[in-house]
């Protein structure tokens, strides 16, 4: 943390902040946003040389990042001018937490408030105050409008805060910026691994890239031009490697798991589809239920060597279990139990994640209120599979990349928690920077 030391503060004074009595560090002063920031209102219509325009949808939620931008051709309207180091804050639906420190000049939507710092503070410290939960909670309470709530400068400027001396602000901003850099580095690494996973899964699962083991080493090679055959799969003619074959979900090699659980004692955790985030169970189940009190939808057991995917359309939630689990799953999942003599579980798990499989699944989903995949509709989905030896190698390769992604995501969670701790403890003055 740039050779700074955090020292627990022991000297306090009591002040009234936003209508509540609070303790703040003895040498900090009570202030308000209006003293440390100004709203910029200078506007104009976009011109031909305006090549960096930001609209509300260009700012991602809760992480201070720009995900896209546009040029004057797409934004022939009145815009607010901003400069480098200005803070952009989305006033429409402020609960979305859309904010950004400008790294260059440009124009933005009038649904974005542009703030510049005064001599009382520095840009990065002002940004830290804007992203803090106390500020966002205050502004959301004050926002006007039921369906389309908007933050107002009149409310923003009245937000009170404890303001440290400039030297302390600079140190706090530097620590938080360093922690954000660590987070961004991990995010970049995750993105790199995810791109690698995407490439390998598309190439290996289509047969364009082949894999085999030679002398204990895994060798990649391209499928030869003369090693293809044409087959009809899911109503379309496609080419697959000569030594690959077709199989069907729900067939003898990939049977569906029937709903129904055996009588059990005590209480078991039950997970609905909402308690699954992408490919992992949440820490908190929907609830714990005895056999007699469980909901009717808590009727799917988890067996060894099994896969469960959400039936609902456009929902990519898949669970992969090597061993039996003492839990209950919702019948909103479709269970598969591949025969290990013919189908490798990790191979099938990765194949189900592919865009081609998910597209076919979505096409087969039916329903008047909520479209989902029935057992009979699932049994019409065909897949292409290599010989078991190659399946196993593909499954292991993709599993290794997934493990790297999961490991980095764990690191990311810890570093984000550390950032939140620093933000809370430094901006409140619980810890001072020396």
Protein backbone atom coordinates (compact mmCIF):
# COMPACT_ATOMS: atom_id res chain seq x y z
CA UNK A 1 0.00 0.00 0.00
CA UNK A 2 2.65 2.49 -1.13
CA UNK A 3 4.56 2.17 2.19
CA UNK A 4 1.67 3.70 4.12
CA UNK A 5 0.75 2.48 7.59
CA UNK A 6 -2.79 2.25 8.92
CA UNK A 7 -3.10 3.37 12.53
CA UNK A 8 -6.29 2.96 14.55
CA UNK A 9 -7.66 6.37 15.45
CA UNK A 10 -8.08 7.14 19.16
CA UNK A 11 -9.02 10.84 19.09
CA UNK A 12 -12.62 11.71 18.25
CA UNK A 13 -15.15 14.49 18.40
CA UNK A 14 -18.93 14.29 18.11
CA UNK A 15 -20.78 16.11 15.34
CA UNK A 16 -24.17 15.91 13.66
CA UNK A 17 -23.93 14.42 10.14
CA UNK A 18 -27.02 14.14 7.94
CA UNK A 19 -29.26 14.37 11.00
CA UNK A 20 -27.38 11.80 13.13
CA UNK A 21 -24.81 12.21 15.91
CA UNK A 22 -21.52 10.71 14.75
CA UNK A 23 -17.93 10.57 15.95
CA UNK A 24 -15.30 11.85 13.50
CA UNK A 25 -11.52 12.17 13.90
CA UNK A 26 -10.52 15.14 16.04
CA UNK A 27 -8.61 16.94 13.30
CA UNK A 28 -11.13 16.32 10.52
CA UNK A 29 -13.84 18.83 9.78
CA UNK A 30 -17.53 18.62 9.03
CA UNK A 31 -18.23 19.47 5.41
CA UNK A 32 -20.69 18.81 2.58
CA UNK A 33 -20.47 17.89 -1.09
CA UNK A 34 -21.27 21.51 -2.04
CA UNK A 35 -17.97 22.58 -0.45
CA UNK A 36 -15.80 20.03 -2.22
CA UNK A 37 -17.53 19.64 -5.62
CA UNK A 38 -19.27 21.72 -8.24
CA UNK A 39 -21.83 20.62 -10.78
CA UNK A 40 -20.81 21.34 -14.35
CA UNK A 41 -23.69 22.46 -16.55
CA UNK A 42 -21.93 23.61 -19.69
CA UNK A 43 -23.71 21.97 -22.63
CA UNK A 44 -23.73 22.03 -26.39
CA UNK A 45 -24.89 20.06 -29.43
CA UNK A 46 -22.41 17.46 -30.62
CA UNK A 47 -20.10 18.44 -33.50
CA UNK A 48 -18.19 16.52 -36.15
CA UNK A 49 -14.98 16.24 -34.13
CA UNK A 50 -16.71 14.87 -31.00
CA UNK A 51 -15.50 11.28 -30.99
CA UNK A 52 -16.03 10.37 -27.33
CA UNK A 53 -19.61 10.52 -26.11
CA UNK A 54 -20.84 8.71 -23.00
CA UNK A 55 -24.45 7.71 -22.40
CA UNK A 56 -25.82 6.15 -19.24
CA UNK A 57 -25.78 2.66 -20.74
CA UNK A 58 -22.06 3.05 -21.48
CA UNK A 59 -21.22 2.97 -17.75
CA UNK A 60 -21.28 -0.42 -16.03
CA UNK A 61 -22.99 -0.88 -12.70
CA UNK A 62 -21.10 -0.58 -9.44
CA UNK A 63 -17.50 -0.79 -10.63
CA UNK A 64 -16.72 2.60 -12.19
CA UNK A 65 -15.94 1.28 -15.66
CA UNK A 66 -16.76 2.43 -19.17
CA UNK A 67 -17.99 -0.50 -21.27
CA UNK A 68 -18.65 1.40 -24.51
CA UNK A 69 -18.79 4.86 -26.05
CA UNK A 70 -20.00 6.46 -29.25
CA UNK A 71 -19.26 9.31 -31.66
CA UNK A 72 -21.08 12.49 -32.64
CA UNK A 73 -22.83 10.70 -35.53
CA UNK A 74 -24.80 8.58 -33.06
CA UNK A 75 -25.37 11.43 -30.61
CA UNK A 76 -26.73 14.43 -32.48
CA UNK A 77 -28.21 16.02 -29.37
CA UNK A 78 -27.39 18.33 -26.51
CA UNK A 79 -24.69 16.93 -24.24
CA UNK A 80 -22.85 17.99 -21.09
CA UNK A 81 -19.14 18.76 -21.46
CA UNK A 82 -16.72 16.99 -19.11
CA UNK A 83 -12.94 17.18 -18.67
CA UNK A 84 -10.28 14.80 -17.46
CA UNK A 85 -10.60 14.00 -13.70
CA UNK A 86 -14.27 15.03 -13.57
CA UNK A 87 -16.63 12.59 -11.84
CA UNK A 88 -19.59 11.33 -13.90
CA UNK A 89 -22.57 10.19 -11.82
CA UNK A 90 -25.72 8.66 -13.34
CA UNK A 91 -28.73 10.51 -11.95
CA UNK A 92 -31.40 8.29 -13.54
CA UNK A 93 -32.06 5.31 -11.24
CA UNK A 94 -29.14 6.12 -8.91
CA UNK A 95 -29.48 2.69 -7.28
CA UNK A 96 -27.73 1.33 -10.40
CA UNK A 97 -24.51 2.95 -9.08
CA UNK A 98 -23.17 4.26 -12.37
CA UNK A 99 -20.12 6.44 -11.85
CA UNK A 100 -16.75 7.05 -13.50
CA UNK A 101 -13.61 9.17 -13.09
CA UNK A 102 -13.02 10.66 -16.54
CA UNK A 103 -9.57 9.80 -17.92
CA UNK A 104 -10.06 12.21 -20.84
CA UNK A 105 -12.39 14.95 -21.99
CA UNK A 106 -15.64 14.33 -23.81
CA UNK A 107 -19.41 14.77 -23.81
CA UNK A 108 -22.06 12.89 -21.85
CA UNK A 109 -25.81 12.45 -21.61
CA UNK A 110 -27.78 14.99 -19.61
CA UNK A 111 -28.91 12.00 -17.50
CA UNK A 112 -25.38 12.09 -16.07
CA UNK A 113 -24.30 14.68 -13.49
CA UNK A 114 -20.76 15.98 -14.01
CA UNK A 115 -18.86 16.94 -10.85
CA UNK A 116 -15.50 18.67 -10.54
CA UNK A 117 -13.54 19.00 -7.32
CA UNK A 118 -12.86 22.28 -5.52
CA UNK A 119 -9.63 23.17 -3.74
CA UNK A 120 -11.02 21.45 -0.64
CA UNK A 121 -10.44 17.99 -2.08
CA UNK A 122 -8.76 15.95 -4.82
CA UNK A 123 -10.59 14.08 -7.64
CA UNK A 124 -9.89 10.54 -6.47
CA UNK A 125 -10.98 11.28 -2.91
CA UNK A 126 -14.20 12.85 -4.21
CA UNK A 127 -14.74 9.70 -6.28
CA UNK A 128 -14.22 7.56 -3.17
CA UNK A 129 -16.97 9.48 -1.39
CA UNK A 130 -19.33 9.06 -4.35
CA UNK A 131 -18.93 5.26 -4.48
CA UNK A 132 -19.37 4.76 -0.72
CA UNK A 133 -22.59 3.05 0.35
CA UNK A 134 -23.52 5.84 2.80
CA UNK A 135 -23.68 8.35 -0.07
CA UNK A 136 -25.63 6.03 -2.35
CA UNK A 137 -28.16 5.17 0.35
CA UNK A 138 -28.68 8.88 1.10
CA UNK A 139 -29.20 9.79 -2.57
CA UNK A 140 -31.57 6.87 -3.21
CA UNK A 141 -33.74 7.97 -0.30
CA UNK A 142 -33.88 11.50 -1.73
CA UNK A 143 -34.37 10.49 -5.39
CA UNK A 144 -37.62 11.76 -6.93
CA UNK A 145 -39.92 9.65 -9.10
CA UNK A 146 -41.50 6.24 -8.55
CA UNK A 147 -40.91 4.50 -11.87
CA UNK A 148 -37.92 6.57 -13.04
CA UNK A 149 -36.25 7.95 -9.88
CA UNK A 150 -33.64 10.66 -10.43
CA UNK A 151 -30.97 12.10 -8.21
CA UNK A 152 -30.89 15.89 -7.93
CA UNK A 153 -27.89 18.15 -7.45
CA UNK A 154 -29.81 19.90 -4.65
CA UNK A 155 -29.75 16.66 -2.65
CA UNK A 156 -26.24 15.63 -3.67
CA UNK A 157 -24.71 18.93 -2.57
CA UNK A 158 -26.39 18.74 0.84
CA UNK A 159 -24.81 15.38 1.73
CA UNK A 160 -22.59 15.92 4.77
CA UNK A 161 -19.31 14.16 5.44
CA UNK A 162 -16.19 14.14 7.58
CA UNK A 163 -13.37 15.70 5.57
CA UNK A 164 -9.71 14.98 6.36
CA UNK A 165 -6.80 17.32 5.50
CA UNK A 166 -5.61 17.19 1.87
CA UNK A 167 -2.51 15.17 2.77
CA UNK A 168 -4.68 12.49 4.39
CA UNK A 169 -7.08 12.56 1.41
CA UNK A 170 -4.19 11.96 -0.96
CA UNK A 171 -2.91 9.01 1.08
CA UNK A 172 -6.39 7.45 1.31
CA UNK A 173 -6.98 7.90 -2.41
CA UNK A 174 -3.60 6.34 -3.18
CA UNK A 175 -4.33 3.27 -1.04
CA UNK A 176 -7.77 2.77 -2.57
CA UNK A 177 -6.39 3.29 -6.09
CA UNK A 178 -3.68 0.67 -5.47
CA UNK A 179 -6.29 -1.79 -4.25
CA UNK A 180 -8.45 -1.10 -7.31
CA UNK A 181 -5.42 -1.81 -9.52
CA UNK A 182 -5.00 -5.21 -7.85
CA UNK A 183 -8.68 -5.94 -8.53
CA UNK A 184 -8.37 -4.85 -12.16
CA UNK A 185 -5.30 -7.07 -12.67
CA UNK A 186 -7.22 -10.09 -11.37
CA UNK A 187 -10.22 -9.21 -13.57
CA UNK A 188 -7.92 -9.02 -16.60
CA UNK A 189 -6.46 -12.43 -15.77
CA UNK A 190 -9.96 -13.91 -15.42
CA UNK A 191 -10.91 -12.43 -18.79
CA UNK A 192 -7.77 -13.96 -20.33
CA UNK A 193 -8.57 -17.41 -18.90
CA UNK A 194 -12.23 -17.14 -19.97
CA UNK A 195 -11.16 -16.28 -23.53
CA UNK A 196 -8.87 -19.31 -23.53
CA UNK A 197 -11.71 -21.50 -22.23
CA UNK A 198 -14.05 -20.16 -24.91
CA UNK A 199 -11.52 -20.84 -27.68
CA UNK A 200 -10.66 -24.34 -26.48
CA UNK A 201 -14.27 -25.36 -25.87
CA UNK A 202 -15.41 -24.19 -29.32
CA UNK A 203 -12.49 -25.82 -31.14
CA UNK A 204 -12.25 -29.07 -29.16
CA UNK A 205 -15.99 -29.72 -28.91
CA UNK A 206 -16.50 -29.16 -32.63
CA UNK A 207 -13.64 -31.46 -33.61
CA UNK A 208 -11.71 -28.73 -35.45
CA UNK A 209 -8.95 -29.07 -32.86
CA UNK A 210 -8.13 -32.61 -31.77
CA UNK A 211 -6.24 -33.90 -28.76
CA UNK A 212 -4.46 -37.15 -27.96
CA UNK A 213 -1.94 -38.50 -25.48
CA UNK A 214 1.47 -39.55 -26.79
CA UNK A 215 4.15 -40.79 -24.41
CA UNK A 216 2.41 -39.27 -21.42
CA UNK A 217 2.08 -35.88 -23.09
CA UNK A 218 -1.09 -34.21 -24.37
CA UNK A 219 -0.75 -33.30 -28.06
CA UNK A 220 -3.02 -30.89 -29.95
CA UNK A 221 -3.53 -31.24 -33.71
CA UNK A 222 -5.97 -29.99 -36.35
CA UNK A 223 -8.46 -32.45 -37.75
CA UNK A 224 -7.34 -33.35 -41.27
CA UNK A 225 -9.30 -32.00 -44.25
CA UNK A 226 -10.12 -35.53 -45.41
CA UNK A 227 -11.19 -36.71 -41.95
CA UNK A 228 -14.74 -35.35 -41.98
CA UNK A 229 -18.15 -36.85 -42.60
CA UNK A 230 -21.52 -35.21 -43.09
CA UNK A 231 -24.36 -36.07 -40.70
CA UNK A 232 -27.79 -34.69 -39.89
CA UNK A 233 -27.91 -33.33 -36.34
CA UNK A 234 -30.96 -31.59 -34.88
CA UNK A 235 -32.41 -31.17 -38.36
CA UNK A 236 -29.27 -29.66 -39.92
CA UNK A 237 -26.51 -31.16 -42.06
CA UNK A 238 -23.10 -30.74 -40.41
CA UNK A 239 -19.59 -32.07 -40.75
CA UNK A 240 -18.02 -33.97 -37.87
CA UNK A 241 -14.76 -35.97 -37.61
CA UNK A 242 -14.96 -39.46 -39.15
CA UNK A 243 -14.31 -41.21 -35.82
CA UNK A 244 -16.94 -39.17 -33.90
CA UNK A 245 -20.55 -40.22 -33.51
CA UNK A 246 -23.99 -38.91 -32.58
CA UNK A 247 -25.79 -39.41 -29.29
CA UNK A 248 -29.01 -38.11 -27.76
CA UNK A 249 -29.83 -36.47 -24.43
CA UNK A 250 -32.06 -38.87 -22.52
CA UNK A 251 -30.83 -41.85 -24.51
CA UNK A 252 -29.31 -45.04 -23.11
CA UNK A 253 -25.86 -43.40 -22.68
CA UNK A 254 -27.18 -40.13 -21.14
CA UNK A 255 -30.35 -41.07 -19.24
CA UNK A 256 -32.48 -38.44 -17.52
CA UNK A 257 -32.69 -38.52 -13.73
CA UNK A 258 -36.25 -39.09 -12.64
CA UNK A 259 -37.83 -36.79 -10.08
CA UNK A 260 -38.57 -38.16 -6.63
CA UNK A 261 -36.46 -38.58 -3.48
CA UNK A 262 -36.29 -41.50 -1.07
CA UNK A 263 -37.53 -41.15 2.51
CA UNK A 264 -34.88 -39.47 4.66
CA UNK A 265 -34.50 -38.48 8.32
CA UNK A 266 -33.69 -35.02 9.67
CA UNK A 267 -33.59 -31.97 7.41
CA UNK A 268 -31.83 -31.51 4.07
CA UNK A 269 -30.84 -28.23 2.38
CA UNK A 270 -32.96 -27.37 -0.64
CA UNK A 271 -31.63 -25.34 -3.57
CA UNK A 272 -33.97 -23.67 -6.05
CA UNK A 273 -32.58 -22.44 -9.38
CA UNK A 274 -32.26 -18.96 -7.85
CA UNK A 275 -29.65 -20.27 -5.42
CA UNK A 276 -27.35 -21.28 -8.26
CA UNK A 277 -25.01 -18.67 -9.71
CA UNK A 278 -23.81 -19.85 -13.13
CA UNK A 279 -22.12 -23.11 -12.14
CA UNK A 280 -22.03 -23.04 -8.33
CA UNK A 281 -24.44 -23.49 -5.44
CA UNK A 282 -24.80 -20.40 -3.26
CA UNK A 283 -23.65 -20.56 0.36
CA UNK A 284 -27.25 -20.17 1.53
CA UNK A 285 -29.87 -22.70 0.39
CA UNK A 286 -33.53 -21.78 -0.06
CA UNK A 287 -34.20 -23.58 3.21
CA UNK A 288 -33.84 -26.80 5.21
CA UNK A 289 -36.70 -29.26 5.08
CA UNK A 290 -37.74 -32.62 6.51
CA UNK A 291 -39.22 -35.19 4.16
CA UNK A 292 -42.76 -34.29 5.27
CA UNK A 293 -42.37 -30.50 5.05
CA UNK A 294 -40.35 -30.12 1.84
CA UNK A 295 -41.97 -28.09 -0.98
CA UNK A 296 -43.36 -30.09 -3.89
CA UNK A 297 -40.66 -28.72 -6.20
CA UNK A 298 -37.89 -29.98 -3.84
CA UNK A 299 -38.09 -33.35 -5.48
CA UNK A 300 -34.79 -34.00 -7.26
CA UNK A 301 -32.00 -36.03 -5.64
CA UNK A 302 -28.29 -35.61 -6.40
CA UNK A 303 -26.49 -38.80 -7.45
CA UNK A 304 -22.85 -39.54 -8.11
CA UNK A 305 -21.58 -38.81 -11.64
CA UNK A 306 -24.47 -36.45 -12.41
CA UNK A 307 -25.16 -33.11 -14.12
CA UNK A 308 -28.08 -30.75 -13.55
CA UNK A 309 -29.02 -27.88 -15.85
CA UNK A 310 -31.73 -25.26 -15.44
CA UNK A 311 -34.77 -26.01 -17.62
CA UNK A 312 -35.74 -22.33 -18.03
CA UNK A 313 -35.09 -20.66 -21.38
CA UNK A 314 -32.02 -18.39 -21.67
CA UNK A 315 -30.75 -19.59 -18.29
CA UNK A 316 -27.19 -20.94 -18.11
CA UNK A 317 -27.07 -22.63 -14.71
CA UNK A 318 -25.33 -26.00 -14.65
CA UNK A 319 -24.12 -28.15 -11.73
CA UNK A 320 -21.56 -30.94 -12.00
CA UNK A 321 -21.30 -33.57 -9.26
CA UNK A 322 -18.72 -36.35 -9.03
CA UNK A 323 -20.26 -37.78 -5.86
CA UNK A 324 -23.71 -38.14 -4.31
CA UNK A 325 -24.80 -35.12 -2.25
CA UNK A 326 -27.26 -35.01 0.64
CA UNK A 327 -29.18 -32.06 -0.78
CA UNK A 328 -32.44 -31.47 -2.62
CA UNK A 329 -32.66 -29.68 -5.95
CA UNK A 330 -35.65 -28.01 -7.54
CA UNK A 331 -37.48 -29.78 -10.34
CA UNK A 332 -36.60 -26.61 -12.25
CA UNK A 333 -33.41 -28.53 -13.02
CA UNK A 334 -33.05 -31.31 -15.58
CA UNK A 335 -30.84 -34.10 -14.25
CA UNK A 336 -28.51 -36.20 -16.43
CA UNK A 337 -26.47 -39.22 -15.39
CA UNK A 338 -24.08 -40.16 -18.20
CA UNK A 339 -22.94 -43.77 -18.47
CA UNK A 340 -19.17 -43.53 -17.68
CA UNK A 341 -18.39 -46.42 -20.05
CA UNK A 342 -19.42 -44.27 -23.02
CA UNK A 343 -19.72 -40.64 -21.87
CA UNK A 344 -17.28 -38.63 -19.75
CA UNK A 345 -19.13 -36.40 -17.29
CA UNK A 346 -16.72 -33.45 -17.54
CA UNK A 347 -16.88 -33.59 -21.34
CA UNK A 348 -20.70 -33.49 -21.26
CA UNK A 349 -20.67 -30.71 -18.65
CA UNK A 350 -18.57 -28.50 -20.92
CA UNK A 351 -20.53 -29.41 -24.04
CA UNK A 352 -23.78 -28.29 -22.37
CA UNK A 353 -22.22 -24.86 -21.81
CA UNK A 354 -21.53 -24.28 -25.52
CA UNK A 355 -23.57 -21.70 -27.42
CA UNK A 356 -24.71 -24.32 -29.96
CA UNK A 357 -26.16 -26.58 -27.25
CA UNK A 358 -27.79 -23.68 -25.41
CA UNK A 359 -29.27 -22.42 -28.68
CA UNK A 360 -30.81 -25.83 -29.34
CA UNK A 361 -32.08 -26.02 -25.75
CA UNK A 362 -33.75 -22.60 -26.07
CA UNK A 363 -35.41 -23.60 -29.35
CA UNK A 364 -36.97 -26.59 -27.60
CA UNK A 365 -38.30 -24.62 -24.61
CA UNK A 366 -42.08 -24.23 -24.50
CA UNK A 367 -44.65 -22.70 -22.16
CA UNK A 368 -47.32 -20.01 -22.04
CA UNK A 369 -46.05 -18.09 -18.99
CA UNK A 370 -42.51 -19.39 -18.54
CA UNK A 371 -40.74 -21.21 -21.36
CA UNK A 372 -38.74 -24.22 -20.17
CA UNK A 373 -37.34 -27.54 -21.37
CA UNK A 374 -39.53 -30.60 -20.78
CA UNK A 375 -38.16 -34.12 -20.52
CA UNK A 376 -39.55 -35.05 -23.93
CA UNK A 377 -38.11 -31.89 -25.54
CA UNK A 378 -34.70 -32.61 -24.00
CA UNK A 379 -34.76 -36.13 -25.47
CA UNK A 380 -34.82 -34.67 -28.98
CA UNK A 381 -31.47 -32.89 -28.58
CA UNK A 382 -28.61 -34.61 -30.38
CA UNK A 383 -24.92 -34.09 -29.59
CA UNK A 384 -21.67 -35.11 -31.26
CA UNK A 385 -19.16 -37.10 -29.24
CA UNK A 386 -15.63 -38.43 -29.81
CA UNK A 387 -14.35 -41.73 -28.45
CA UNK A 388 -14.20 -41.90 -24.65
CA UNK A 389 -10.40 -41.45 -24.48
CA UNK A 390 -10.59 -38.12 -26.30
CA UNK A 391 -13.66 -37.08 -24.27
CA UNK A 392 -11.68 -37.58 -21.06
CA UNK A 393 -8.73 -35.52 -22.33
CA UNK A 394 -11.05 -32.69 -23.47
CA UNK A 395 -12.89 -32.76 -20.14
CA UNK A 396 -9.64 -32.60 -18.16
CA UNK A 397 -8.20 -29.77 -20.28
CA UNK A 398 -11.30 -27.62 -19.88
CA UNK A 399 -11.56 -28.53 -16.21
CA UNK A 400 -8.00 -27.25 -15.66
CA UNK A 401 -8.84 -23.89 -17.26
CA UNK A 402 -12.07 -23.69 -15.25
CA UNK A 403 -10.07 -24.34 -12.07
CA UNK A 404 -7.79 -21.40 -12.91
CA UNK A 405 -10.85 -19.17 -13.46
CA UNK A 406 -12.44 -20.28 -10.17
CA UNK A 407 -9.18 -19.72 -8.29
CA UNK A 408 -8.87 -16.18 -9.60
CA UNK A 409 -12.52 -15.49 -8.80
CA UNK A 410 -11.84 -16.50 -5.19
CA UNK A 411 -8.89 -14.09 -5.12
CA UNK A 412 -11.13 -11.40 -6.65
CA UNK A 413 -13.78 -11.86 -3.95
CA UNK A 414 -11.15 -11.47 -1.20
CA UNK A 415 -9.61 -8.38 -2.79
CA UNK A 416 -13.03 -6.77 -3.26
CA UNK A 417 -13.81 -7.45 0.39
CA UNK A 418 -10.50 -5.84 1.30
CA UNK A 419 -11.39 -2.79 -0.82
CA UNK A 420 -14.76 -2.47 0.91
CA UNK A 421 -13.05 -2.70 4.30
CA UNK A 422 -10.54 -0.01 3.36
CA UNK A 423 -13.26 2.24 1.94
CA UNK A 424 -15.35 2.01 5.11
CA UNK A 425 -12.54 2.31 7.63
CA UNK A 426 -10.54 5.04 5.87
CA UNK A 427 -13.43 7.31 4.93
CA UNK A 428 -14.92 7.05 8.44
CA UNK A 429 -11.56 7.80 10.05
CA UNK A 430 -11.55 4.59 12.08
CA UNK A 431 -8.03 4.14 10.72
CA UNK A 432 -5.69 6.98 9.81
CA UNK A 433 -2.87 6.80 7.26
CA UNK A 434 0.64 7.56 8.41
